[in-house]
């Protein structure tokens, strides 16, 4: 389904629909957050994935992570982050669409949060906590509120809407390695490129789109928002 989200978003982008990506974000994000999360009690956060694994149950969270977060990035890169993430759908509405400050070396925080998530769910089983489904539902609500709070605070602190994605989001521990091999990626036609640097200036994830190699700066963080494609004066960038 991440492919469908991307296809719809890119189609609307090509049709010059204003806020095309935001429309897709809200459609998918609200479905995942409100319908699956709140009404169906399907915890689609990282904790829900760990919980299903500990239970040995092939439930919605496991399917979701296998498709969108583990296998999906091999084909679509970080498309999930750009078109379907319910945290980013709110963060992208904040005023710092283009980063105003240099990137910090704080990526280690994502691994701390990733481990904390695993330890939290593991403790529920090790301590034989009663009524675990209720605890998990409350953790889903509290976890999302915490993510939104941290995300908004970081956006204003660093003047960067995507600061949460760059430094804190634990899901990127899955996404970044697989995204390195992504089939779908923005490429640069060097015959057309004049090295003006506009693509780097507008990129919300600080990716160097002038480099076509897999090792380009922050290459595993491209969310396929296509702002670079839109802003390139020479039309040198394409999927």
Protein backbone atom coordinates (compact mmCIF):
# COMPACT_ATOMS: atom_id res chain seq x y z
CA UNK A 1 0.00 0.00 0.00
CA UNK A 2 2.97 2.32 0.40
CA UNK A 3 3.41 2.04 -3.36
CA UNK A 4 -0.20 3.15 -3.82
CA UNK A 5 0.36 6.13 -1.53
CA UNK A 6 3.43 7.14 -3.48
CA UNK A 7 1.73 6.64 -6.83
CA UNK A 8 -1.22 8.80 -5.80
CA UNK A 9 1.01 11.50 -4.35
CA UNK A 10 3.28 11.64 -7.39
CA UNK A 11 0.28 11.61 -9.75
CA UNK A 12 -1.26 14.59 -7.95
CA UNK A 13 2.13 16.31 -7.93
CA UNK A 14 2.45 15.89 -11.71
CA UNK A 15 -1.06 17.31 -12.10
CA UNK A 16 0.13 20.39 -10.18
CA UNK A 17 -2.36 19.76 -7.38
CA UNK A 18 -1.51 22.06 -4.49
CA UNK A 19 -0.57 20.25 -1.28
CA UNK A 20 -0.75 16.90 -3.12
CA UNK A 21 1.54 15.12 -0.67
CA UNK A 22 -0.30 16.54 2.35
CA UNK A 23 -3.60 15.23 0.99
CA UNK A 24 -2.19 11.70 0.78
CA UNK A 25 -0.53 12.03 4.19
CA UNK A 26 -3.81 12.91 5.86
CA UNK A 27 -5.82 10.25 4.05
CA UNK A 28 -3.44 7.46 5.02
CA UNK A 29 -2.36 8.90 8.35
CA UNK A 30 -5.87 9.37 9.69
CA UNK A 31 -6.84 5.87 8.56
CA UNK A 32 -3.85 4.36 10.37
CA UNK A 33 -4.12 6.54 13.46
CA UNK A 34 -7.86 6.93 13.96
CA UNK A 35 -9.49 3.87 12.38
CA UNK A 36 -6.86 1.20 13.04
CA UNK A 37 -5.33 2.71 16.16
CA UNK A 38 -8.21 4.22 18.11
CA UNK A 39 -11.31 2.40 16.89
CA UNK A 40 -9.81 -1.03 16.09
CA UNK A 41 -7.20 -0.97 18.88
CA UNK A 42 -4.45 -2.02 16.48
CA UNK A 43 -1.23 -0.54 17.86
CA UNK A 44 0.71 0.42 14.74
CA UNK A 45 3.54 2.05 16.64
CA UNK A 46 6.86 0.28 17.13
CA UNK A 47 5.62 -1.08 20.46
CA UNK A 48 2.76 -2.82 18.67
CA UNK A 49 5.26 -4.55 16.39
CA UNK A 50 7.32 -5.81 19.35
CA UNK A 51 4.15 -6.88 21.16
CA UNK A 52 2.98 -9.01 18.23
CA UNK A 53 6.42 -10.60 17.92
CA UNK A 54 6.49 -11.51 21.62
CA UNK A 55 3.03 -13.03 21.25
CA UNK A 56 4.13 -14.91 18.14
CA UNK A 57 1.08 -13.50 16.37
CA UNK A 58 1.03 -12.52 12.71
CA UNK A 59 -1.16 -9.47 13.27
CA UNK A 60 -1.69 -6.10 11.56
CA UNK A 61 1.37 -4.45 13.11
CA UNK A 62 3.69 -7.22 11.89
CA UNK A 63 2.27 -7.05 8.36
CA UNK A 64 2.51 -3.26 8.42
CA UNK A 65 6.16 -3.26 9.47
CA UNK A 66 7.13 -6.06 7.11
CA UNK A 67 5.56 -4.27 4.14
CA UNK A 68 6.07 -0.57 4.86
CA UNK A 69 9.13 -0.41 7.10
CA UNK A 70 11.35 -3.40 6.27
CA UNK A 71 10.70 -4.65 2.71
CA UNK A 72 9.05 -1.50 1.34
CA UNK A 73 12.15 0.75 1.58
CA UNK A 74 14.02 -1.61 -0.75
CA UNK A 75 11.67 -0.45 -3.50
CA UNK A 76 10.31 2.91 -2.33
CA UNK A 77 13.01 4.23 -0.01
CA UNK A 78 11.65 6.53 2.68
CA UNK A 79 8.42 7.05 0.78
CA UNK A 80 6.53 6.06 3.92
CA UNK A 81 7.94 9.10 5.72
CA UNK A 82 6.92 11.45 2.94
CA UNK A 83 3.45 10.16 2.13
CA UNK A 84 1.96 8.11 4.95
CA UNK A 85 3.49 8.87 8.36
CA UNK A 86 0.85 10.22 10.76
CA UNK A 87 3.48 12.02 12.83
CA UNK A 88 4.94 13.80 9.80
CA UNK A 89 1.49 14.78 8.54
CA UNK A 90 1.32 17.21 11.47
CA UNK A 91 4.98 18.24 11.49
CA UNK A 92 4.85 19.18 7.80
CA UNK A 93 2.27 21.86 8.64
CA UNK A 94 4.71 23.75 10.87
CA UNK A 95 6.47 26.90 9.59
CA UNK A 96 9.98 25.50 9.04
CA UNK A 97 9.44 23.55 5.84
CA UNK A 98 13.03 24.28 4.80
CA UNK A 99 15.63 23.79 7.58
CA UNK A 100 16.90 27.11 8.93
CA UNK A 101 19.85 25.72 10.87
CA UNK A 102 22.73 23.29 10.15
CA UNK A 103 22.13 19.61 10.80
CA UNK A 104 23.19 18.33 14.24
CA UNK A 105 24.98 15.08 15.07
CA UNK A 106 22.18 13.69 17.21
CA UNK A 107 21.14 10.61 15.25
CA UNK A 108 22.18 8.36 18.14
CA UNK A 109 18.95 9.34 19.92
CA UNK A 110 16.89 7.19 17.55
CA UNK A 111 18.72 4.06 18.71
CA UNK A 112 18.09 4.90 22.36
CA UNK A 113 14.37 5.27 21.71
CA UNK A 114 14.36 2.10 19.59
CA UNK A 115 15.91 0.10 22.45
CA UNK A 116 13.64 1.72 25.05
CA UNK A 117 10.61 0.64 23.02
CA UNK A 118 11.82 -2.96 22.91
CA UNK A 119 12.64 -3.00 26.63
CA UNK A 120 9.24 -1.54 27.53
CA UNK A 121 7.31 -4.27 25.72
CA UNK A 122 9.70 -6.97 26.90
CA UNK A 123 9.15 -5.86 30.49
CA UNK A 124 5.38 -6.32 30.11
CA UNK A 125 5.97 -10.02 29.46
CA UNK A 126 8.87 -10.55 31.86
CA UNK A 127 6.93 -8.98 34.72
CA UNK A 128 3.70 -10.68 33.62
CA UNK A 129 1.82 -7.38 33.70
CA UNK A 130 -1.95 -8.05 33.79
CA UNK A 131 -4.32 -6.78 31.08
CA UNK A 132 -1.53 -6.15 28.59
CA UNK A 133 -3.89 -5.24 25.71
CA UNK A 134 -5.23 -2.31 27.75
CA UNK A 135 -1.69 -1.23 28.63
CA UNK A 136 -0.70 -1.37 24.97
CA UNK A 137 -3.68 0.72 23.90
CA UNK A 138 -2.85 3.36 26.48
CA UNK A 139 0.79 3.28 25.39
CA UNK A 140 -0.39 3.87 21.82
CA UNK A 141 -2.28 6.99 22.85
CA UNK A 142 0.46 8.24 25.16
CA UNK A 143 3.20 7.38 22.67
CA UNK A 144 1.58 9.32 19.86
CA UNK A 145 0.97 12.32 22.11
CA UNK A 146 4.63 12.17 23.17
CA UNK A 147 5.83 11.93 19.56
CA UNK A 148 3.75 14.93 18.53
CA UNK A 149 4.94 16.90 21.53
CA UNK A 150 8.62 16.11 20.95
CA UNK A 151 8.29 16.62 17.20
CA UNK A 152 6.71 20.06 17.54
CA UNK A 153 9.18 21.12 20.25
CA UNK A 154 12.17 20.04 18.15
CA UNK A 155 10.79 21.75 15.06
CA UNK A 156 10.68 25.10 16.82
CA UNK A 157 13.93 24.54 18.74
CA UNK A 158 15.92 23.70 15.59
CA UNK A 159 13.73 25.63 13.12
CA UNK A 160 13.28 22.45 11.15
CA UNK A 161 9.94 20.64 10.68
CA UNK A 162 11.70 17.32 10.17
CA UNK A 163 14.07 17.49 13.16
CA UNK A 164 12.15 14.64 14.82
CA UNK A 165 12.64 12.45 11.74
CA UNK A 166 16.37 13.20 11.57
CA UNK A 167 17.29 12.71 15.21
CA UNK A 168 14.64 10.91 17.23
CA UNK A 169 12.27 8.69 15.21
CA UNK A 170 13.04 5.05 16.12
CA UNK A 171 11.38 3.71 12.96
CA UNK A 172 14.31 4.99 10.92
CA UNK A 173 16.45 2.22 12.42
CA UNK A 174 14.54 -0.07 10.04
CA UNK A 175 14.12 2.41 7.20
CA UNK A 176 17.62 3.82 6.71
CA UNK A 177 19.58 0.60 5.91
CA UNK A 178 16.99 -0.69 3.42
CA UNK A 179 16.61 2.74 1.80
CA UNK A 180 20.25 2.61 0.75
CA UNK A 181 19.24 0.02 -1.87
CA UNK A 182 15.99 1.71 -2.93
CA UNK A 183 14.92 1.17 -6.54
CA UNK A 184 12.90 4.40 -6.64
CA UNK A 185 15.15 7.41 -6.08
CA UNK A 186 15.66 10.91 -7.40
CA UNK A 187 18.43 11.08 -10.00
CA UNK A 188 20.41 13.99 -11.39
CA UNK A 189 21.03 14.51 -15.11
CA UNK A 190 24.54 15.91 -14.95
CA UNK A 191 24.36 17.19 -18.51
CA UNK A 192 21.63 19.60 -17.41
CA UNK A 193 22.80 20.35 -13.86
CA UNK A 194 24.58 23.70 -13.46
CA UNK A 195 25.42 23.22 -9.78
CA UNK A 196 23.23 26.07 -8.51
CA UNK A 197 22.52 24.20 -5.26
CA UNK A 198 18.80 25.01 -5.13
CA UNK A 199 17.94 21.35 -4.62
CA UNK A 200 20.07 21.19 -1.47
CA UNK A 201 18.60 24.41 -0.10
CA UNK A 202 14.96 23.29 -0.35
CA UNK A 203 15.45 19.67 0.78
CA UNK A 204 13.77 19.10 4.17
CA UNK A 205 16.13 16.17 4.86
CA UNK A 206 19.43 17.81 3.78
CA UNK A 207 20.06 15.34 0.95
CA UNK A 208 22.71 16.19 -1.65
CA UNK A 209 20.82 15.54 -4.88
CA UNK A 210 23.75 16.63 -7.06
CA UNK A 211 25.43 13.32 -6.24
CA UNK A 212 23.95 10.28 -8.02
CA UNK A 213 25.85 7.68 -6.01
CA UNK A 214 24.32 5.53 -3.28
CA UNK A 215 26.68 7.21 -0.83
CA UNK A 216 25.43 10.74 -1.38
CA UNK A 217 25.14 12.90 1.72
CA UNK A 218 22.07 11.86 3.76
CA UNK A 219 20.94 9.75 0.81
CA UNK A 220 19.06 7.26 3.00
CA UNK A 221 16.87 10.08 4.30
CA UNK A 222 15.22 11.15 1.04
CA UNK A 223 11.44 11.10 1.60
CA UNK A 224 10.61 11.55 -2.11
CA UNK A 225 8.77 14.79 -1.45
CA UNK A 226 10.02 15.98 -4.89
CA UNK A 227 10.60 19.55 -3.76
CA UNK A 228 14.02 19.37 -5.38
CA UNK A 229 12.45 18.25 -8.68
CA UNK A 230 9.97 21.11 -8.48
CA UNK A 231 12.59 23.76 -7.70
CA UNK A 232 15.33 22.71 -10.15
CA UNK A 233 15.55 25.52 -12.76
CA UNK A 234 17.21 23.23 -15.31
CA UNK A 235 14.81 20.29 -14.84
CA UNK A 236 17.85 18.12 -14.19
CA UNK A 237 16.24 16.02 -11.45
CA UNK A 238 13.85 13.14 -12.07
CA UNK A 239 12.71 9.83 -10.58
